[in-house]
């Protein structure tokens, strides 16, 4: 599925997310900046999930600090989660293919990016993806930023790349010069995704491109899990806890992601769906029955155009 929409004006983005132990509250939508059209769609006990009827964004309810989320992100991704679950070289290769495909849908390519312009990857971890990009491009500076200093230190030693272990917002990057800025599986972890998008746009060269990827709310898995929760009055809750876990603060629909990009001033936006890493590379780790269910749901998502990731290419508006 591909969508093209023109850019629109900027908008207000409010911080939100759950603080465990506090009373459950709807919280402000990160796209619309208000809870006026939002409501809690299910309560999982120690946290709840809300949905904004105006834009379709699904998000964890309540309030949480950006500093606490950076700590959670490091733990979940690098200490006990993502980096241990998958072959990172395999993931990096897929991300390079996704970058090429996303730019291709927008009528661009790696070769067409502004000559000599630097490349930036946000959430670079050890730099495996940047290293793949460096092999596909030449005569450029490649920079990565990630909140995990341990990961960036490891990547600098392994790949000899300019990897910076700090928050993207404080990395001191020069505006208006990057030919390509990428962010794979980052936006769902940050308290203010609109602020991150605005910064990405400011960093882009006038002829540069941004590419990002986030989990999609519109999938067969999520529809079935929510139906099971509702039909059993909350008895079957574990699938929802796995799909809506506390380290992901937002779950975008195509409509809500397009609206957020437009409000931050993005132009020439091209959005498409793609399969998630967990079904593409990780299904073999499950028992046969679960593996068959995962592959069946993933196949239905491909047919319906509701695959589990949203991949977007965009430019900076005038």
C-alpha atoms as a PDB file:
ATOM      1  CA  UNK A   1       0.000   0.000   0.000  1.00  0.00           C
ATOM      2  CA  UNK A   2       1.310   3.479  -0.899  1.00  0.00           C
ATOM      3  CA  UNK A   3      -0.102   6.878  -0.040  1.00  0.00           C
ATOM      4  CA  UNK A   4       0.985  10.355  -1.148  1.00  0.00           C
ATOM      5  CA  UNK A   5      -0.198  13.467   0.618  1.00  0.00           C
ATOM      6  CA  UNK A   6       0.973  17.121   0.515  1.00  0.00           C
ATOM      7  CA  UNK A   7       2.620  18.779   3.489  1.00  0.00           C
ATOM      8  CA  UNK A   8       0.665  20.822   6.000  1.00  0.00           C
ATOM      9  CA  UNK A   9       1.516  23.249   8.779  1.00  0.00           C
ATOM     10  CA  UNK A  10       3.160  22.490  12.131  1.00  0.00           C
ATOM     11  CA  UNK A  11       1.334  21.469  15.283  1.00  0.00           C
ATOM     12  CA  UNK A  12       1.623  21.130  19.043  1.00  0.00           C
ATOM     13  CA  UNK A  13       2.901  17.861  20.512  1.00  0.00           C
ATOM     14  CA  UNK A  14       2.456  17.128  24.197  1.00  0.00           C
ATOM     15  CA  UNK A  15       4.411  14.668  26.346  1.00  0.00           C
ATOM     16  CA  UNK A  16       2.483  11.627  27.566  1.00  0.00           C
ATOM     17  CA  UNK A  17       2.840   8.073  28.816  1.00  0.00           C
ATOM     18  CA  UNK A  18       2.056   5.975  31.806  1.00  0.00           C
ATOM     19  CA  UNK A  19       3.635   6.252  35.234  1.00  0.00           C
ATOM     20  CA  UNK A  20       2.984   2.887  36.879  1.00  0.00           C
ATOM     21  CA  UNK A  21       1.208   3.172  40.194  1.00  0.00           C
ATOM     22  CA  UNK A  22      -0.588   6.431  39.414  1.00  0.00           C
ATOM     23  CA  UNK A  23      -4.321   6.591  38.635  1.00  0.00           C
ATOM     24  CA  UNK A  24      -5.003   5.659  35.025  1.00  0.00           C
ATOM     25  CA  UNK A  25      -5.712   8.629  32.779  1.00  0.00           C
ATOM     26  CA  UNK A  26      -6.284   9.001  29.052  1.00  0.00           C
ATOM     27  CA  UNK A  27      -3.359  11.365  28.376  1.00  0.00           C
ATOM     28  CA  UNK A  28      -2.873  13.682  25.413  1.00  0.00           C
ATOM     29  CA  UNK A  29      -2.606  12.360  21.871  1.00  0.00           C
ATOM     30  CA  UNK A  30       0.923  12.970  20.521  1.00  0.00           C
ATOM     31  CA  UNK A  31      -0.523  13.922  17.127  1.00  0.00           C
ATOM     32  CA  UNK A  32      -3.467  16.138  18.100  1.00  0.00           C
ATOM     33  CA  UNK A  33      -1.973  17.525  21.338  1.00  0.00           C
ATOM     34  CA  UNK A  34      -5.177  16.986  23.330  1.00  0.00           C
ATOM     35  CA  UNK A  35      -7.229  14.213  24.934  1.00  0.00           C
ATOM     36  CA  UNK A  36     -10.490  15.754  23.690  1.00  0.00           C
ATOM     37  CA  UNK A  37     -11.192  12.918  21.208  1.00  0.00           C
ATOM     38  CA  UNK A  38      -9.340  10.152  23.095  1.00  0.00           C
ATOM     39  CA  UNK A  39     -10.523   7.397  25.406  1.00  0.00           C
ATOM     40  CA  UNK A  40      -9.095   4.306  27.098  1.00  0.00           C
ATOM     41  CA  UNK A  41      -9.800   1.269  24.910  1.00  0.00           C
ATOM     42  CA  UNK A  42      -8.527  -1.375  27.334  1.00  0.00           C
ATOM     43  CA  UNK A  43      -7.137  -1.492  30.850  1.00  0.00           C
ATOM     44  CA  UNK A  44      -4.394  -4.025  31.584  1.00  0.00           C
ATOM     45  CA  UNK A  45      -4.273  -3.344  35.318  1.00  0.00           C
ATOM     46  CA  UNK A  46      -0.968  -1.553  35.833  1.00  0.00           C
ATOM     47  CA  UNK A  47      -1.306   0.372  32.585  1.00  0.00           C
ATOM     48  CA  UNK A  48      -3.942   1.252  30.023  1.00  0.00           C
ATOM     49  CA  UNK A  49      -4.046   1.953  26.302  1.00  0.00           C
ATOM     50  CA  UNK A  50      -5.906   4.872  24.727  1.00  0.00           C
ATOM     51  CA  UNK A  51      -7.037   5.690  21.195  1.00  0.00           C
ATOM     52  CA  UNK A  52      -7.630   9.096  19.614  1.00  0.00           C
ATOM     53  CA  UNK A  53     -10.790   9.072  17.514  1.00  0.00           C
ATOM     54  CA  UNK A  54      -9.651  12.159  15.589  1.00  0.00           C
ATOM     55  CA  UNK A  55      -6.445  10.722  14.102  1.00  0.00           C
ATOM     56  CA  UNK A  56      -6.415   7.019  15.048  1.00  0.00           C
ATOM     57  CA  UNK A  57      -3.245   7.076  17.155  1.00  0.00           C
ATOM     58  CA  UNK A  58      -3.121   4.347  19.835  1.00  0.00           C
ATOM     59  CA  UNK A  59      -0.898   5.069  22.821  1.00  0.00           C
ATOM     60  CA  UNK A  60      -0.113   4.246  26.421  1.00  0.00           C
ATOM     61  CA  UNK A  61      -2.158   6.376  28.787  1.00  0.00           C
ATOM     62  CA  UNK A  62      -0.774   8.679  31.463  1.00  0.00           C
ATOM     63  CA  UNK A  63       2.531  10.513  31.905  1.00  0.00           C
ATOM     64  CA  UNK A  64       6.194   9.431  31.762  1.00  0.00           C
ATOM     65  CA  UNK A  65       9.541  11.249  31.605  1.00  0.00           C
ATOM     66  CA  UNK A  66      11.868  11.216  28.600  1.00  0.00           C
ATOM     67  CA  UNK A  67      14.842  10.270  30.820  1.00  0.00           C
ATOM     68  CA  UNK A  68      13.033   7.212  32.195  1.00  0.00           C
ATOM     69  CA  UNK A  69      12.096   6.110  28.687  1.00  0.00           C
ATOM     70  CA  UNK A  70      15.719   6.273  27.531  1.00  0.00           C
ATOM     71  CA  UNK A  71      16.668   3.908  30.378  1.00  0.00           C
ATOM     72  CA  UNK A  72      13.797   1.549  29.497  1.00  0.00           C
ATOM     73  CA  UNK A  73      14.749   1.614  25.811  1.00  0.00           C
ATOM     74  CA  UNK A  74      18.348   0.635  26.553  1.00  0.00           C
ATOM     75  CA  UNK A  75      17.302  -2.215  28.832  1.00  0.00           C
ATOM     76  CA  UNK A  76      14.603  -3.650  26.578  1.00  0.00           C
ATOM     77  CA  UNK A  77      16.567  -3.376  23.342  1.00  0.00           C
ATOM     78  CA  UNK A  78      20.155  -4.037  24.323  1.00  0.00           C
ATOM     79  CA  UNK A  79      20.198  -5.858  27.644  1.00  0.00           C
ATOM     80  CA  UNK A  80      17.379  -8.396  27.378  1.00  0.00           C
ATOM     81  CA  UNK A  81      15.481  -7.913  24.110  1.00  0.00           C
ATOM     82  CA  UNK A  82      15.924  -6.999  20.472  1.00  0.00           C
ATOM     83  CA  UNK A  83      19.682  -7.407  20.154  1.00  0.00           C
ATOM     84  CA  UNK A  84      19.464 -10.929  21.591  1.00  0.00           C
ATOM     85  CA  UNK A  85      16.398 -12.044  19.620  1.00  0.00           C
ATOM     86  CA  UNK A  86      17.605 -11.524  16.055  1.00  0.00           C
ATOM     87  CA  UNK A  87      20.598 -11.741  13.759  1.00  0.00           C
ATOM     88  CA  UNK A  88      21.456  -8.029  13.610  1.00  0.00           C
ATOM     89  CA  UNK A  89      23.387  -8.341  10.354  1.00  0.00           C
ATOM     90  CA  UNK A  90      20.267  -9.860   8.793  1.00  0.00           C
ATOM     91  CA  UNK A  91      18.128  -7.020  10.147  1.00  0.00           C
ATOM     92  CA  UNK A  92      20.599  -4.402   8.890  1.00  0.00           C
ATOM     93  CA  UNK A  93      20.499  -5.921   5.415  1.00  0.00           C
ATOM     94  CA  UNK A  94      16.706  -5.795   5.434  1.00  0.00           C
ATOM     95  CA  UNK A  95      16.805  -2.151   6.560  1.00  0.00           C
ATOM     96  CA  UNK A  96      19.071  -1.280   3.647  1.00  0.00           C
ATOM     97  CA  UNK A  97      16.586  -2.943   1.268  1.00  0.00           C
ATOM     98  CA  UNK A  98      13.743  -1.019   2.936  1.00  0.00           C
ATOM     99  CA  UNK A  99      15.611   2.260   2.538  1.00  0.00           C
ATOM    100  CA  UNK A 100      16.160   1.597  -1.156  1.00  0.00           C
ATOM    101  CA  UNK A 101      12.517   0.545  -1.617  1.00  0.00           C
ATOM    102  CA  UNK A 102      11.133   3.546   0.256  1.00  0.00           C
ATOM    103  CA  UNK A 103      13.249   6.013  -1.720  1.00  0.00           C
ATOM    104  CA  UNK A 104      12.353   4.193  -4.928  1.00  0.00           C
ATOM    105  CA  UNK A 105       8.622   4.605  -4.244  1.00  0.00           C
ATOM    106  CA  UNK A 106       9.286   8.340  -3.823  1.00  0.00           C
ATOM    107  CA  UNK A 107      11.140   8.565  -7.129  1.00  0.00           C
ATOM    108  CA  UNK A 108      14.571   8.839  -5.502  1.00  0.00           C
ATOM    109  CA  UNK A 109      17.545   6.565  -4.815  1.00  0.00           C
ATOM    110  CA  UNK A 110      20.728   6.425  -2.766  1.00  0.00           C
ATOM    111  CA  UNK A 111      22.624   7.566  -5.864  1.00  0.00           C
ATOM    112  CA  UNK A 112      20.356  10.608  -6.316  1.00  0.00           C
ATOM    113  CA  UNK A 113      20.981  12.044  -2.834  1.00  0.00           C
ATOM    114  CA  UNK A 114      22.924  15.334  -2.693  1.00  0.00           C
ATOM    115  CA  UNK A 115      26.606  14.656  -3.418  1.00  0.00           C
ATOM    116  CA  UNK A 116      28.980  14.752  -0.451  1.00  0.00           C
ATOM    117  CA  UNK A 117      26.105  15.264   1.982  1.00  0.00           C
ATOM    118  CA  UNK A 118      26.491  13.357   5.289  1.00  0.00           C
ATOM    119  CA  UNK A 119      24.168  10.531   6.325  1.00  0.00           C
ATOM    120  CA  UNK A 120      22.629  10.199   9.795  1.00  0.00           C
ATOM    121  CA  UNK A 121      21.039   7.161  11.465  1.00  0.00           C
ATOM    122  CA  UNK A 122      19.038   7.822  14.641  1.00  0.00           C
ATOM    123  CA  UNK A 123      18.943   4.874  17.037  1.00  0.00           C
ATOM    124  CA  UNK A 124      22.031   3.367  15.388  1.00  0.00           C
ATOM    125  CA  UNK A 125      22.884   0.816  18.157  1.00  0.00           C
ATOM    126  CA  UNK A 126      26.248  -0.698  17.102  1.00  0.00           C
ATOM    127  CA  UNK A 127      26.081   0.752  13.593  1.00  0.00           C
ATOM    128  CA  UNK A 128      25.347  -2.399  11.588  1.00  0.00           C
ATOM    129  CA  UNK A 129      22.895  -0.581   9.311  1.00  0.00           C
ATOM    130  CA  UNK A 130      25.229   2.402   8.832  1.00  0.00           C
ATOM    131  CA  UNK A 131      28.003   0.016   7.902  1.00  0.00           C
ATOM    132  CA  UNK A 132      25.744  -1.514   5.232  1.00  0.00           C
ATOM    133  CA  UNK A 133      24.936   1.982   3.948  1.00  0.00           C
ATOM    134  CA  UNK A 134      28.622   2.864   3.795  1.00  0.00           C
ATOM    135  CA  UNK A 135      29.157  -0.174   1.575  1.00  0.00           C
ATOM    136  CA  UNK A 136      26.377   0.996  -0.754  1.00  0.00           C
ATOM    137  CA  UNK A 137      27.440   4.664  -0.915  1.00  0.00           C
ATOM    138  CA  UNK A 138      30.776   6.469  -1.063  1.00  0.00           C
ATOM    139  CA  UNK A 139      32.534   9.765  -0.391  1.00  0.00           C
ATOM    140  CA  UNK A 140      30.278  10.693   2.519  1.00  0.00           C
ATOM    141  CA  UNK A 141      30.398  11.080   6.260  1.00  0.00           C
ATOM    142  CA  UNK A 142      28.288   8.538   8.165  1.00  0.00           C
ATOM    143  CA  UNK A 143      27.063   9.526  11.636  1.00  0.00           C
ATOM    144  CA  UNK A 144      24.997   7.511  14.099  1.00  0.00           C
ATOM    145  CA  UNK A 145      23.422   8.530  17.412  1.00  0.00           C
ATOM    146  CA  UNK A 146      21.987   6.283  20.097  1.00  0.00           C
ATOM    147  CA  UNK A 147      21.245   6.693  23.807  1.00  0.00           C
ATOM    148  CA  UNK A 148      23.227   3.525  24.552  1.00  0.00           C
ATOM    149  CA  UNK A 149      26.875   4.510  25.012  1.00  0.00           C
ATOM    150  CA  UNK A 150      27.786   0.864  25.412  1.00  0.00           C
ATOM    151  CA  UNK A 151      26.419   0.074  21.965  1.00  0.00           C
ATOM    152  CA  UNK A 152      28.034   3.065  20.242  1.00  0.00           C
ATOM    153  CA  UNK A 153      31.401   2.326  21.856  1.00  0.00           C
ATOM    154  CA  UNK A 154      31.197  -1.259  20.629  1.00  0.00           C
ATOM    155  CA  UNK A 155      30.249  -0.081  17.128  1.00  0.00           C
ATOM    156  CA  UNK A 156      33.067   2.459  16.931  1.00  0.00           C
ATOM    157  CA  UNK A 157      35.576  -0.262  17.751  1.00  0.00           C
ATOM    158  CA  UNK A 158      34.049  -2.767  15.309  1.00  0.00           C
ATOM    159  CA  UNK A 159      33.195  -0.560  12.314  1.00  0.00           C
ATOM    160  CA  UNK A 160      35.275   2.622  12.784  1.00  0.00           C
ATOM    161  CA  UNK A 161      32.160   4.767  12.369  1.00  0.00           C
ATOM    162  CA  UNK A 162      31.276   8.132  13.931  1.00  0.00           C
ATOM    163  CA  UNK A 163      28.781   6.825  16.490  1.00  0.00           C
ATOM    164  CA  UNK A 164      27.677   9.133  19.312  1.00  0.00           C
ATOM    165  CA  UNK A 165      26.254   7.784  22.564  1.00  0.00           C
ATOM    166  CA  UNK A 166      23.779  10.463  23.538  1.00  0.00           C
ATOM    167  CA  UNK A 167      20.191  11.584  23.039  1.00  0.00           C
ATOM    168  CA  UNK A 168      19.447  12.633  19.461  1.00  0.00           C
ATOM    169  CA  UNK A 169      18.167  16.022  20.650  1.00  0.00           C
ATOM    170  CA  UNK A 170      21.532  16.887  22.276  1.00  0.00           C
ATOM    171  CA  UNK A 171      23.913  15.461  19.652  1.00  0.00           C
ATOM    172  CA  UNK A 172      24.909  18.904  18.293  1.00  0.00           C
ATOM    173  CA  UNK A 173      24.215  18.047  14.638  1.00  0.00           C
ATOM    174  CA  UNK A 174      24.402  20.801  11.978  1.00  0.00           C
ATOM    175  CA  UNK A 175      21.025  21.715  10.411  1.00  0.00           C
ATOM    176  CA  UNK A 176      20.206  21.676   6.718  1.00  0.00           C
ATOM    177  CA  UNK A 177      23.067  19.502   5.487  1.00  0.00           C
ATOM    178  CA  UNK A 178      22.140  15.802   5.725  1.00  0.00           C
ATOM    179  CA  UNK A 179      21.261  14.075   2.465  1.00  0.00           C
ATOM    180  CA  UNK A 180      19.657  11.154   4.301  1.00  0.00           C
ATOM    181  CA  UNK A 181      18.332  10.836   7.860  1.00  0.00           C
ATOM    182  CA  UNK A 182      16.980   7.438   8.952  1.00  0.00           C
ATOM    183  CA  UNK A 183      15.182   6.248  12.099  1.00  0.00           C
ATOM    184  CA  UNK A 184      14.193   2.573  12.278  1.00  0.00           C
ATOM    185  CA  UNK A 185      12.038   1.543  15.258  1.00  0.00           C
ATOM    186  CA  UNK A 186      12.759   4.740  17.191  1.00  0.00           C
ATOM    187  CA  UNK A 187       9.684   6.973  17.101  1.00  0.00           C
ATOM    188  CA  UNK A 188       7.508   4.597  19.145  1.00  0.00           C
ATOM    189  CA  UNK A 189       9.972   4.813  22.067  1.00  0.00           C
ATOM    190  CA  UNK A 190      10.128   8.602  22.474  1.00  0.00           C
ATOM    191  CA  UNK A 191       7.873  10.738  24.638  1.00  0.00           C
ATOM    192  CA  UNK A 192       7.477  13.466  21.982  1.00  0.00           C
ATOM    193  CA  UNK A 193       7.599  11.921  18.476  1.00  0.00           C
ATOM    194  CA  UNK A 194       6.620  15.231  16.888  1.00  0.00           C
ATOM    195  CA  UNK A 195       9.713  16.901  18.344  1.00  0.00           C
ATOM    196  CA  UNK A 196      11.947  14.177  16.915  1.00  0.00           C
ATOM    197  CA  UNK A 197      10.335  14.521  13.480  1.00  0.00           C
ATOM    198  CA  UNK A 198      10.713  18.301  13.567  1.00  0.00           C
ATOM    199  CA  UNK A 199      14.419  17.928  14.352  1.00  0.00           C
ATOM    200  CA  UNK A 200      14.851  15.372  11.566  1.00  0.00           C
ATOM    201  CA  UNK A 201      13.320  17.806   9.106  1.00  0.00           C
ATOM    202  CA  UNK A 202      15.568  20.669  10.251  1.00  0.00           C
ATOM    203  CA  UNK A 203      18.648  18.505   9.689  1.00  0.00           C
ATOM    204  CA  UNK A 204      17.744  17.581   6.098  1.00  0.00           C
ATOM    205  CA  UNK A 205      19.433  19.169   3.102  1.00  0.00           C
ATOM    206  CA  UNK A 206      16.793  20.882   0.880  1.00  0.00           C
ATOM    207  CA  UNK A 207      17.152  17.974  -1.557  1.00  0.00           C
ATOM    208  CA  UNK A 208      17.621  15.322   1.129  1.00  0.00           C
ATOM    209  CA  UNK A 209      15.279  12.582   2.316  1.00  0.00           C
ATOM    210  CA  UNK A 210      14.146  11.188   5.632  1.00  0.00           C
ATOM    211  CA  UNK A 211      13.229   7.505   6.044  1.00  0.00           C
ATOM    212  CA  UNK A 212      11.580   6.085   9.150  1.00  0.00           C
ATOM    213  CA  UNK A 213       9.873   2.906  10.270  1.00  0.00           C
ATOM    214  CA  UNK A 214       7.409   2.317  13.121  1.00  0.00           C
ATOM    215  CA  UNK A 215       5.046  -0.463  14.257  1.00  0.00           C
ATOM    216  CA  UNK A 216       1.578  -0.293  12.711  1.00  0.00           C
ATOM    217  CA  UNK A 217      -1.630  -0.434  14.727  1.00  0.00           C
ATOM    218  CA  UNK A 218      -3.630  -1.942  11.836  1.00  0.00           C
ATOM    219  CA  UNK A 219      -2.727  -5.636  11.830  1.00  0.00           C
ATOM    220  CA  UNK A 220      -4.513  -8.976  12.080  1.00  0.00           C
ATOM    221  CA  UNK A 221      -2.555  -9.803  15.252  1.00  0.00           C
ATOM    222  CA  UNK A 222      -3.792  -6.704  17.071  1.00  0.00           C
ATOM    223  CA  UNK A 223      -7.377  -7.104  15.875  1.00  0.00           C
ATOM    224  CA  UNK A 224      -7.550 -10.713  17.080  1.00  0.00           C
ATOM    225  CA  UNK A 225      -5.849  -9.972  20.420  1.00  0.00           C
ATOM    226  CA  UNK A 226      -8.212  -7.097  21.175  1.00  0.00           C
ATOM    227  CA  UNK A 227     -11.259  -9.185  20.219  1.00  0.00           C
ATOM    228  CA  UNK A 228     -10.127 -12.034  22.502  1.00  0.00           C
ATOM    229  CA  UNK A 229      -9.635  -9.601  25.379  1.00  0.00           C
ATOM    230  CA  UNK A 230     -13.092  -8.056  24.925  1.00  0.00           C
ATOM    231  CA  UNK A 231     -14.956 -11.340  24.402  1.00  0.00           C
ATOM    232  CA  UNK A 232     -13.438 -12.870  27.554  1.00  0.00           C
ATOM    233  CA  UNK A 233     -13.950  -9.741  29.710  1.00  0.00           C
ATOM    234  CA  UNK A 234     -10.191  -9.340  30.040  1.00  0.00           C
ATOM    235  CA  UNK A 235      -9.388 -12.962  30.922  1.00  0.00           C
ATOM    236  CA  UNK A 236      -7.215 -13.435  27.832  1.00  0.00           C
ATOM    237  CA  UNK A 237      -4.856 -10.502  28.308  1.00  0.00           C
ATOM    238  CA  UNK A 238      -1.365 -11.865  27.638  1.00  0.00           C
ATOM    239  CA  UNK A 239      -1.509 -11.363  23.841  1.00  0.00           C
ATOM    240  CA  UNK A 240      -2.368  -7.708  24.416  1.00  0.00           C
ATOM    241  CA  UNK A 241       0.441  -7.339  26.960  1.00  0.00           C
ATOM    242  CA  UNK A 242       2.868  -8.744  24.396  1.00  0.00           C
ATOM    243  CA  UNK A 243       1.628  -6.471  21.620  1.00  0.00           C
ATOM    244  CA  UNK A 244       1.110  -3.304  23.708  1.00  0.00           C
ATOM    245  CA  UNK A 245       4.095  -3.428  26.023  1.00  0.00           C
ATOM    246  CA  UNK A 246       5.319  -0.491  28.154  1.00  0.00           C
ATOM    247  CA  UNK A 247       8.456   0.170  26.078  1.00  0.00           C
ATOM    248  CA  UNK A 248       6.335   1.271  23.104  1.00  0.00           C
ATOM    249  CA  UNK A 249       4.501   4.510  23.795  1.00  0.00           C
ATOM    250  CA  UNK A 250       2.721   4.966  20.448  1.00  0.00           C
ATOM    251  CA  UNK A 251       1.200   2.769  17.758  1.00  0.00           C
ATOM    252  CA  UNK A 252       0.558   4.650  14.541  1.00  0.00           C
ATOM    253  CA  UNK A 253      -2.015   4.059  11.859  1.00  0.00           C
ATOM    254  CA  UNK A 254      -1.188   5.293   8.346  1.00  0.00           C
ATOM    255  CA  UNK A 255      -3.558   8.212   8.924  1.00  0.00           C
ATOM    256  CA  UNK A 256      -2.068   9.298  12.264  1.00  0.00           C
ATOM    257  CA  UNK A 257       1.527   9.021  11.025  1.00  0.00           C
ATOM    258  CA  UNK A 258       0.743  11.007   7.879  1.00  0.00           C
ATOM    259  CA  UNK A 259      -0.980  13.671   9.956  1.00  0.00           C
ATOM    260  CA  UNK A 260       1.981  13.976  12.336  1.00  0.00           C
ATOM    261  CA  UNK A 261       4.433  14.295   9.445  1.00  0.00           C
ATOM    262  CA  UNK A 262       2.274  16.929   7.777  1.00  0.00           C
ATOM    263  CA  UNK A 263       1.935  18.941  10.982  1.00  0.00           C
ATOM    264  CA  UNK A 264       5.714  19.040  11.367  1.00  0.00           C
ATOM    265  CA  UNK A 265       6.142  20.316   7.799  1.00  0.00           C
ATOM    266  CA  UNK A 266       7.125  17.201   5.836  1.00  0.00           C
ATOM    267  CA  UNK A 267       6.514  17.095   2.083  1.00  0.00           C
ATOM    268  CA  UNK A 268       6.402  14.475  -0.693  1.00  0.00           C
ATOM    269  CA  UNK A 269       5.415  11.829   1.851  1.00  0.00           C
ATOM    270  CA  UNK A 270       5.273   8.222   0.634  1.00  0.00           C
ATOM    271  CA  UNK A 271       4.020   5.560   3.051  1.00  0.00           C
ATOM    272  CA  UNK A 272       3.932   1.789   2.574  1.00  0.00           C
ATOM    273  CA  UNK A 273       3.493  -1.298   4.755  1.00  0.00           C
ATOM    274  CA  UNK A 274       6.028  -4.072   5.304  1.00  0.00           C
ATOM    275  CA  UNK A 275       6.343  -7.272   7.301  1.00  0.00           C
ATOM    276  CA  UNK A 276       7.705  -7.155  10.849  1.00  0.00           C
ATOM    277  CA  UNK A 277      11.038  -8.700  11.821  1.00  0.00           C
ATOM    278  CA  UNK A 278       9.354 -10.973  14.361  1.00  0.00           C
ATOM    279  CA  UNK A 279       7.338 -12.727  11.631  1.00  0.00           C
ATOM    280  CA  UNK A 280       9.948 -12.524   8.886  1.00  0.00           C
ATOM    281  CA  UNK A 281      12.992 -13.639  10.864  1.00  0.00           C
ATOM    282  CA  UNK A 282      11.757 -14.840  14.255  1.00  0.00           C
ATOM    283  CA  UNK A 283       8.846 -17.224  13.624  1.00  0.00           C
ATOM    284  CA  UNK A 284      11.159 -20.250  13.604  1.00  0.00           C
ATOM    285  CA  UNK A 285      11.756 -19.826  17.330  1.00  0.00           C
ATOM    286  CA  UNK A 286       8.129 -20.626  18.234  1.00  0.00           C
ATOM    287  CA  UNK A 287       6.359 -23.965  18.644  1.00  0.00           C
ATOM    288  CA  UNK A 288       4.793 -25.429  15.470  1.00  0.00           C
ATOM    289  CA  UNK A 289       1.212 -24.341  16.257  1.00  0.00           C
ATOM    290  CA  UNK A 290       2.262 -20.798  17.167  1.00  0.00           C
ATOM    291  CA  UNK A 291       4.549 -20.660  14.131  1.00  0.00           C
ATOM    292  CA  UNK A 292       1.671 -21.658  11.851  1.00  0.00           C
ATOM    293  CA  UNK A 293      -0.605 -19.015  13.418  1.00  0.00           C
ATOM    294  CA  UNK A 294       2.063 -16.314  13.014  1.00  0.00           C
ATOM    295  CA  UNK A 295       2.663 -17.158   9.376  1.00  0.00           C
ATOM    296  CA  UNK A 296      -1.073 -17.342   8.634  1.00  0.00           C
ATOM    297  CA  UNK A 297      -1.701 -13.918  10.194  1.00  0.00           C
ATOM    298  CA  UNK A 298       1.313 -12.445   8.410  1.00  0.00           C
ATOM    299  CA  UNK A 299       0.021 -13.823   5.114  1.00  0.00           C
ATOM    300  CA  UNK A 300      -3.410 -12.272   5.699  1.00  0.00           C
ATOM    301  CA  UNK A 301      -1.772  -8.949   6.508  1.00  0.00           C
ATOM    302  CA  UNK A 302       0.117  -9.065   3.198  1.00  0.00           C
ATOM    303  CA  UNK A 303      -3.125  -9.709   1.313  1.00  0.00           C
ATOM    304  CA  UNK A 304      -4.990  -6.929   3.133  1.00  0.00           C
ATOM    305  CA  UNK A 305      -2.174  -4.380   3.046  1.00  0.00           C
ATOM    306  CA  UNK A 306      -2.083  -4.225   6.852  1.00  0.00           C
ATOM    307  CA  UNK A 307       1.429  -5.493   7.519  1.00  0.00           C
ATOM    308  CA  UNK A 308       2.960  -4.823  10.906  1.00  0.00           C
ATOM    309  CA  UNK A 309       5.375  -2.006  10.023  1.00  0.00           C
ATOM    310  CA  UNK A 310       4.876   1.404   8.430  1.00  0.00           C
ATOM    311  CA  UNK A 311       7.786   2.577   6.258  1.00  0.00           C
ATOM    312  CA  UNK A 312       7.852   6.235   5.219  1.00  0.00           C
ATOM    313  CA  UNK A 313      10.020   8.429   3.024  1.00  0.00           C
ATOM    314  CA  UNK A 314       9.645  12.208   3.144  1.00  0.00           C
ATOM    315  CA  UNK A 315      11.339  15.509   2.373  1.00  0.00           C
ATOM    316  CA  UNK A 316      11.533  18.848   4.122  1.00  0.00           C
ATOM    317  CA  UNK A 317       8.744  21.226   3.113  1.00  0.00           C
ATOM    318  CA  UNK A 318       9.459  24.733   1.836  1.00  0.00           C
END
